[in-house]
C-alpha atoms as a PDB file:
ATOM      1  CA  MET A   1     182.253 -71.518-165.830  1.00  0.00           C
ATOM      2  CA  PRO A   2     181.011 -72.428-169.528  1.00  0.00           C
ATOM      3  CA  SER A   3     181.588 -76.164-171.728  1.00  0.00           C
ATOM      4  CA  LEU A   4     180.372 -77.422-174.132  1.00  0.00           C
ATOM      5  CA  THR A   5     177.338 -78.956-174.426  1.00  0.00           C
ATOM      6  CA  ARG A   6     178.215 -79.385-178.308  1.00  0.00           C
ATOM      7  CA  PHE A   7     180.538 -80.200-180.018  1.00  0.00           C
ATOM      8  CA  ARG A   8     182.652 -78.574-181.398  1.00  0.00           C
ATOM      9  CA  TRP A   9     185.214 -79.860-184.465  1.00  0.00           C
ATOM     10  CA  LEU A  10     187.760 -77.298-183.948  1.00  0.00           C
ATOM     11  CA  SER A  11     188.040 -78.199-180.287  1.00  0.00           C
ATOM     12  CA  GLU A  12     190.285 -80.161-181.350  1.00  0.00           C
ATOM     13  CA  ARG A  13     192.592 -78.953-183.365  1.00  0.00           C
ATOM     14  CA  ILE A  14     193.168 -75.623-181.622  1.00  0.00           C
ATOM     15  CA  PRO A  15     196.982 -76.728-179.490  1.00  0.00           C
ATOM     16  CA  ALA A  16     196.922 -77.366-175.564  1.00  0.00           C
ATOM     17  CA  ALA A  17     197.818 -74.668-172.975  1.00  0.00           C
ATOM     18  CA  ASP A  18     201.002 -76.447-172.922  1.00  0.00           C
ATOM     19  CA  GLN A  19     203.095 -74.993-175.515  1.00  0.00           C
ATOM     20  CA  ARG A  20     204.297 -72.359-176.057  1.00  0.00           C
ATOM     21  CA  ARG A  21     201.708 -70.548-178.590  1.00  0.00           C
ATOM     22  CA  ILE A  22     200.275 -67.139-179.204  1.00  0.00           C
ATOM     23  CA  VAL A  23     196.876 -68.840-180.064  1.00  0.00           C
ATOM     24  CA  VAL A  24     193.681 -66.187-182.257  1.00  0.00           C
ATOM     25  CA  VAL A  25     190.475 -67.098-182.550  1.00  0.00           C
ATOM     26  CA  THR A  26     188.363 -64.865-184.526  1.00  0.00           C
ATOM     27  CA  GLY A  27     185.077 -65.115-185.967  1.00  0.00           C
ATOM     28  CA  ALA A  28     181.471 -63.316-186.418  1.00  0.00           C
ATOM     29  CA  ARG A  29     179.906 -62.940-182.775  1.00  0.00           C
ATOM     30  CA  GLN A  30     178.146 -65.688-181.960  1.00  0.00           C
ATOM     31  CA  THR A  31     179.857 -68.451-183.559  1.00  0.00           C
ATOM     32  CA  GLY A  32     180.823 -70.055-179.610  1.00  0.00           C
ATOM     33  CA  LYS A  33     184.807 -68.937-179.298  1.00  0.00           C
ATOM     34  CA  THR A  34     183.988 -67.825-175.273  1.00  0.00           C
ATOM     35  CA  THR A  35     182.157 -70.610-174.963  1.00  0.00           C
ATOM     36  CA  LEU A  36     185.723 -72.667-177.009  1.00  0.00           C
ATOM     37  CA  ALA A  37     187.758 -71.723-175.070  1.00  0.00           C
ATOM     38  CA  ARG A  38     186.656 -71.701-171.946  1.00  0.00           C
ATOM     39  CA  ALA A  39     186.346 -75.295-172.285  1.00  0.00           C
ATOM     40  CA  VAL A  40     189.565 -75.756-173.614  1.00  0.00           C
ATOM     41  CA  TYR A  41     191.530 -73.379-171.496  1.00  0.00           C
ATOM     42  CA  PRO A  42     189.697 -74.175-167.938  1.00  0.00           C
ATOM     43  CA  ASP A  43     193.129 -73.122-166.048  1.00  0.00           C
ATOM     44  CA  LEU A  44     193.633 -70.187-167.657  1.00  0.00           C
ATOM     45  CA  ARG A  45     192.605 -66.506-166.705  1.00  0.00           C
ATOM     46  CA  TYR A  46     190.067 -65.166-168.213  1.00  0.00           C
ATOM     47  CA  VAL A  47     189.027 -61.378-170.043  1.00  0.00           C
ATOM     48  CA  ASN A  48     187.122 -59.679-171.012  1.00  0.00           C
ATOM     49  CA  LEU A  49     187.782 -56.472-173.196  1.00  0.00           C
ATOM     50  CA  ASP A  50     183.562 -55.054-173.620  1.00  0.00           C
ATOM     51  CA  ASP A  51     184.469 -54.480-170.132  1.00  0.00           C
ATOM     52  CA  VAL A  52     185.807 -51.048-170.029  1.00  0.00           C
ATOM     53  CA  GLU A  53     186.994 -51.343-166.284  1.00  0.00           C
ATOM     54  CA  ALA A  54     189.489 -54.247-167.327  1.00  0.00           C
ATOM     55  CA  ARG A  55     190.409 -52.344-170.544  1.00  0.00           C
ATOM     56  CA  GLU A  56     191.825 -49.429-168.990  1.00  0.00           C
ATOM     57  CA  ALA A  57     193.532 -51.609-166.155  1.00  0.00           C
ATOM     58  CA  LEU A  58     195.161 -53.532-169.115  1.00  0.00           C
ATOM     59  CA  ARG A  59     196.256 -50.095-170.349  1.00  0.00           C
ATOM     60  CA  ALA A  60     197.062 -49.037-167.291  1.00  0.00           C
ATOM     61  CA  THR A  61     199.404 -52.083-167.072  1.00  0.00           C
ATOM     62  CA  ARG A  62     203.248 -51.831-167.191  1.00  0.00           C
ATOM     63  CA  THR A  63     205.038 -54.505-169.831  1.00  0.00           C
ATOM     64  CA  THR A  64     206.750 -55.187-167.576  1.00  0.00           C
ATOM     65  CA  ALA A  65     204.368 -56.898-165.231  1.00  0.00           C
ATOM     66  CA  TRP A  66     202.426 -58.375-167.817  1.00  0.00           C
ATOM     67  CA  ALA A  67     204.030 -61.656-166.413  1.00  0.00           C
ATOM     68  CA  ARG A  68     202.993 -61.097-162.631  1.00  0.00           C
ATOM     69  CA  THR A  69     199.557 -59.704-163.869  1.00  0.00           C
ATOM     70  CA  VAL A  70     198.050 -61.105-166.413  1.00  0.00           C
ATOM     71  CA  GLY A  71     200.282 -64.334-166.820  1.00  0.00           C
ATOM     72  CA  HIS A  72     198.790 -67.188-169.168  1.00  0.00           C
ATOM     73  CA  ALA A  73     195.330 -65.524-169.949  1.00  0.00           C
ATOM     74  CA  VAL A  74     192.355 -65.953-172.426  1.00  0.00           C
ATOM     75  CA  LEU A  75     191.383 -61.901-173.430  1.00  0.00           C
ATOM     76  CA  ASP A  76     188.354 -61.779-174.991  1.00  0.00           C
ATOM     77  CA  GLU A  77     187.572 -58.820-177.548  1.00  0.00           C
ATOM     78  CA  ALA A  78     190.476 -57.838-177.238  1.00  0.00           C
ATOM     79  CA  GLN A  79     190.074 -55.753-181.105  1.00  0.00           C
ATOM     80  CA  LYS A  80     189.096 -53.253-177.953  1.00  0.00           C
ATOM     81  CA  GLU A  81     192.978 -53.072-176.491  1.00  0.00           C
ATOM     82  CA  PRO A  82     195.246 -53.567-179.053  1.00  0.00           C
ATOM     83  CA  ALA A  83     198.317 -52.289-176.048  1.00  0.00           C
ATOM     84  CA  VAL A  84     197.576 -55.688-174.978  1.00  0.00           C
ATOM     85  CA  PHE A  85     198.849 -56.938-178.862  1.00  0.00           C
ATOM     86  CA  GLU A  86     202.605 -55.502-178.551  1.00  0.00           C
ATOM     87  CA  LYS A  87     202.557 -56.390-174.121  1.00  0.00           C
ATOM     88  CA  VAL A  88     201.548 -59.584-174.872  1.00  0.00           C
ATOM     89  CA  LYS A  89     204.390 -59.916-177.878  1.00  0.00           C
ATOM     90  CA  TYR A  90     206.712 -58.919-175.462  1.00  0.00           C
ATOM     91  CA  ALA A  91     205.893 -61.240-172.694  1.00  0.00           C
ATOM     92  CA  PHE A  92     206.545 -63.569-174.918  1.00  0.00           C
ATOM     93  CA  ASP A  93     209.114 -62.926-176.577  1.00  0.00           C
ATOM     94  CA  GLU A  94     210.892 -62.432-173.429  1.00  0.00           C
ATOM     95  CA  GLY A  95     209.789 -65.746-172.644  1.00  0.00           C
ATOM     96  CA  SER A  96     207.918 -65.439-169.253  1.00  0.00           C
ATOM     97  CA  VAL A  97     204.584 -65.853-170.856  1.00  0.00           C
ATOM     98  CA  ASP A  98     204.099 -69.382-173.260  1.00  0.00           C
ATOM     99  CA  PHE A  99     200.349 -69.462-173.545  1.00  0.00           C
ATOM    100  CA  THR A 100     198.202 -66.779-174.496  1.00  0.00           C
ATOM    101  CA  VAL A 101     194.448 -66.993-176.149  1.00  0.00           C
ATOM    102  CA  LEU A 102     192.959 -64.224-178.464  1.00  0.00           C
ATOM    103  CA  LEU A 103     189.841 -64.087-178.742  1.00  0.00           C
ATOM    104  CA  GLY A 104     187.781 -61.196-181.681  1.00  0.00           C
ATOM    105  CA  SER A 105     186.489 -60.479-184.552  1.00  0.00           C
ATOM    106  CA  SER A 106     188.151 -61.049-187.953  1.00  0.00           C
ATOM    107  CA  ARG A 107     188.469 -56.821-188.099  1.00  0.00           C
ATOM    108  CA  PHE A 108     191.392 -56.743-185.619  1.00  0.00           C
ATOM    109  CA  LEU A 109     193.472 -58.690-188.603  1.00  0.00           C
ATOM    110  CA  LEU A 110     193.401 -55.995-190.539  1.00  0.00           C
ATOM    111  CA  LEU A 111     195.214 -53.610-188.235  1.00  0.00           C
ATOM    112  CA  GLU A 112     198.701 -52.617-189.560  1.00  0.00           C
ATOM    113  CA  GLN A 113     199.898 -52.660-186.324  1.00  0.00           C
ATOM    114  CA  ILE A 114     198.544 -56.514-184.756  1.00  0.00           C
ATOM    115  CA  ARG A 115     199.763 -57.387-187.975  1.00  0.00           C
ATOM    116  CA  GLU A 116     202.901 -56.306-187.085  1.00  0.00           C
ATOM    117  CA  SER A 117     202.566 -57.433-183.205  1.00  0.00           C
ATOM    118  CA  LEU A 118     201.086 -61.265-184.384  1.00  0.00           C
ATOM    119  CA  ALA A 119     204.022 -61.892-187.224  1.00  0.00           C
ATOM    120  CA  GLY A 120     205.153 -64.686-186.631  1.00  0.00           C
ATOM    121  CA  ARG A 121     204.497 -65.496-183.565  1.00  0.00           C
ATOM    122  CA  ALA A 122     201.109 -66.322-183.821  1.00  0.00           C
ATOM    123  CA  PHE A 123     198.692 -69.393-184.555  1.00  0.00           C
ATOM    124  CA  LEU A 124     194.895 -68.681-186.345  1.00  0.00           C
ATOM    125  CA  TYR A 125     191.598 -69.598-186.361  1.00  0.00           C
ATOM    126  CA  ASP A 126     188.030 -68.800-187.707  1.00  0.00           C
ATOM    127  CA  MET A 127     185.265 -70.083-186.236  1.00  0.00           C
ATOM    128  CA  TRP A 128     182.539 -70.948-187.857  1.00  0.00           C
ATOM    129  CA  PRO A 129     179.298 -71.005-186.839  1.00  0.00           C
ATOM    130  CA  LEU A 130     177.461 -74.181-185.888  1.00  0.00           C
ATOM    131  CA  MET A 131     178.470 -77.318-189.401  1.00  0.00           C
ATOM    132  CA  LEU A 132     175.766 -79.630-189.561  1.00  0.00           C
ATOM    133  CA  SER A 133     177.876 -82.637-188.679  1.00  0.00           C
ATOM    134  CA  GLU A 134     177.486 -80.773-185.165  1.00  0.00           C
ATOM    135  CA  LEU A 135     174.361 -80.187-184.910  1.00  0.00           C
ATOM    136  CA  ALA A 136     173.181 -83.557-185.782  1.00  0.00           C
ATOM    137  CA  VAL A 137     173.783 -85.374-182.657  1.00  0.00           C
ATOM    138  CA  GLU A 138     173.354 -84.667-179.206  1.00  0.00           C
ATOM    139  CA  ALA A 139     174.432 -82.847-176.941  1.00  0.00           C
ATOM    140  CA  GLY A 140     178.174 -83.838-175.804  1.00  0.00           C
ATOM    141  CA  GLU A 141     178.114 -86.244-178.314  1.00  0.00           C
ATOM    142  CA  ARG A 142     180.993 -86.952-180.819  1.00  0.00           C
ATOM    143  CA  PRO A 143     180.046 -86.396-184.478  1.00  0.00           C
ATOM    144  CA  ALA A 144     181.179 -88.956-186.813  1.00  0.00           C
ATOM    145  CA  ARG A 145     183.707 -87.340-189.132  1.00  0.00           C
ATOM    146  CA  PRO A 146     182.610 -85.616-192.140  1.00  0.00           C
ATOM    147  CA  LEU A 147     181.932 -87.033-195.828  1.00  0.00           C
ATOM    148  CA  PHE A 148     183.548 -83.671-197.877  1.00  0.00           C
ATOM    149  CA  ASP A 149     186.631 -84.064-194.574  1.00  0.00           C
ATOM    150  CA  ALA A 150     187.007 -87.611-195.548  1.00  0.00           C
ATOM    151  CA  LEU A 151     187.111 -87.370-199.455  1.00  0.00           C
ATOM    152  CA  LEU A 152     189.583 -84.857-199.143  1.00  0.00           C
ATOM    153  CA  ARG A 153     192.167 -86.549-196.557  1.00  0.00           C
ATOM    154  CA  PRO A 154     190.941 -90.344-197.618  1.00  0.00           C
ATOM    155  CA  ALA A 155     192.701 -92.852-195.136  1.00  0.00           C
ATOM    156  CA  ALA A 156     192.103 -94.824-197.721  1.00  0.00           C
ATOM    157  CA  GLY A 157     191.882 -95.180-201.910  1.00  0.00           C
ATOM    158  CA  ILE A 158     188.095 -92.343-202.315  1.00  0.00           C
ATOM    159  CA  ASP A 159     185.841 -94.842-203.996  1.00  0.00           C
ATOM    160  CA  GLN A 160     186.652 -96.679-200.637  1.00  0.00           C
ATOM    161  CA  VAL A 161     185.182 -93.682-198.050  1.00  0.00           C
ATOM    162  CA  LEU A 162     182.210 -93.369-200.684  1.00  0.00           C
ATOM    163  CA  GLU A 163     181.152 -97.593-200.546  1.00  0.00           C
ATOM    164  CA  GLU A 164     181.250 -96.967-196.452  1.00  0.00           C
ATOM    165  CA  GLN A 165     178.356 -94.521-197.290  1.00  0.00           C
ATOM    166  CA  PRO A 166     174.813 -96.553-196.206  1.00  0.00           C
ATOM    167  CA  GLU A 167     173.004 -95.819-199.345  1.00  0.00           C
ATOM    168  CA  VAL A 168     169.815 -94.474-197.051  1.00  0.00           C
ATOM    169  CA  LEU A 169     169.275 -93.034-193.844  1.00  0.00           C
ATOM    170  CA  LEU A 170     166.810 -94.494-191.831  1.00  0.00           C
ATOM    171  CA  GLY A 171     164.902 -93.566-188.629  1.00  0.00           C
ATOM    172  CA  GLU A 172     167.081 -91.881-185.912  1.00  0.00           C
ATOM    173  CA  ASP A 173     169.875 -90.705-187.843  1.00  0.00           C
ATOM    174  CA  GLU A 174     168.190 -89.614-190.685  1.00  0.00           C
ATOM    175  CA  GLU A 175     165.733 -87.630-189.358  1.00  0.00           C
ATOM    176  CA  ARG A 176     168.499 -86.037-186.646  1.00  0.00           C
ATOM    177  CA  ARG A 177     169.735 -84.847-190.264  1.00  0.00           C
ATOM    178  CA  ARG A 178     166.589 -83.331-191.736  1.00  0.00           C
ATOM    179  CA  ALA A 179     166.494 -81.667-188.546  1.00  0.00           C
ATOM    180  CA  ALA A 180     169.683 -80.770-188.689  1.00  0.00           C
ATOM    181  CA  PHE A 181     169.580 -79.200-192.515  1.00  0.00           C
ATOM    182  CA  ASP A 182     165.410 -77.370-192.384  1.00  0.00           C
ATOM    183  CA  HIS A 183     167.600 -75.716-189.322  1.00  0.00           C
ATOM    184  CA  LEU A 184     170.871 -74.695-191.520  1.00  0.00           C
ATOM    185  CA  GLY A 185     168.695 -73.471-193.956  1.00  0.00           C
ATOM    186  CA  ARG A 186     165.708 -71.230-191.536  1.00  0.00           C
ATOM    187  CA  TRP A 187     168.249 -69.632-189.211  1.00  0.00           C
ATOM    188  CA  GLY A 188     171.471 -70.520-189.873  1.00  0.00           C
ATOM    189  CA  GLY A 189     174.619 -72.365-187.316  1.00  0.00           C
ATOM    190  CA  LEU A 190     174.946 -69.743-184.913  1.00  0.00           C
ATOM    191  CA  PRO A 191     174.380 -71.578-181.543  1.00  0.00           C
ATOM    192  CA  ALA A 192     172.948 -68.613-179.744  1.00  0.00           C
ATOM    193  CA  THR A 193     169.822 -69.593-182.707  1.00  0.00           C
ATOM    194  CA  HIS A 194     170.098 -73.139-181.699  1.00  0.00           C
ATOM    195  CA  TRP A 195     166.847 -74.591-179.491  1.00  0.00           C
ATOM    196  CA  PRO A 196     168.505 -76.998-177.352  1.00  0.00           C
ATOM    197  CA  ASP A 197     172.232 -75.265-176.676  1.00  0.00           C
ATOM    198  CA  LEU A 198     169.632 -72.011-176.279  1.00  0.00           C
ATOM    199  CA  SER A 199     166.762 -73.566-174.310  1.00  0.00           C
ATOM    200  CA  HIS A 200     169.801 -75.053-171.694  1.00  0.00           C
ATOM    201  CA  THR A 201     171.006 -70.771-171.609  1.00  0.00           C
ATOM    202  CA  ILE A 202     168.909 -68.842-171.075  1.00  0.00           C
ATOM    203  CA  GLY A 203     165.445 -71.211-170.016  1.00  0.00           C
ATOM    204  CA  THR A 204     162.805 -72.436-172.395  1.00  0.00           C
ATOM    205  CA  ALA A 205     160.516 -69.280-171.740  1.00  0.00           C
ATOM    206  CA  SER A 206     163.149 -67.335-172.906  1.00  0.00           C
ATOM    207  CA  ALA A 207     164.500 -69.581-176.120  1.00  0.00           C
ATOM    208  CA  LEU A 208     160.541 -69.597-177.089  1.00  0.00           C
ATOM    209  CA  ALA A 209     160.590 -65.357-177.170  1.00  0.00           C
ATOM    210  CA  VAL A 210     163.557 -64.974-179.162  1.00  0.00           C
ATOM    211  CA  LEU A 211     162.781 -67.476-181.894  1.00  0.00           C
ATOM    212  CA  ARG A 212     159.013 -66.017-181.990  1.00  0.00           C
ATOM    213  CA  TRP A 213     161.441 -62.563-182.303  1.00  0.00           C
ATOM    214  CA  LEU A 214     163.587 -64.153-184.911  1.00  0.00           C
ATOM    215  CA  SER A 215     160.178 -64.845-186.943  1.00  0.00           C
END
């Protein structure tokens, strides 16, 4: 079962599975949508529609049987089988399924049929590449609230927020921020290109081969 080797802010924003929701997480490939969903919702059935057989099985599932056949689930690459949206809508409106997570490319929101199926029902979240604050901490650590976010939603006045910031970063804090900034400049924030995450996933030798190829 995938775990969040690196903290993602979105993990604190998407709703818990005990709420009545259709959750849609969109974004570019390799931004970490699947890892996030499987870590946050470990008890939900996971169906990857990259699998041709899975697509055919869901296409063949009768709408009235969706709740007992699929139920509460994470449906990955959902845009590859548009029929699932109508079936999810039916089960949700009927009340037989209260929670579903749909993952996929933001392109599927351009399809009129899907927009109509999700209208008024879905809660939409965009998954972006790793932020500087997410890169600047060790795996498993929760980063400090980004300064930009603190300025947009200050608990006190903006002047106080700025006064609480250190004038300079020293030691390990400075090294981490600089390394994170350099990584963003060279590779962007895709988790698949971040060395600790990549080496953890596929091993050191394979990670080195990937980074040499990307160079």
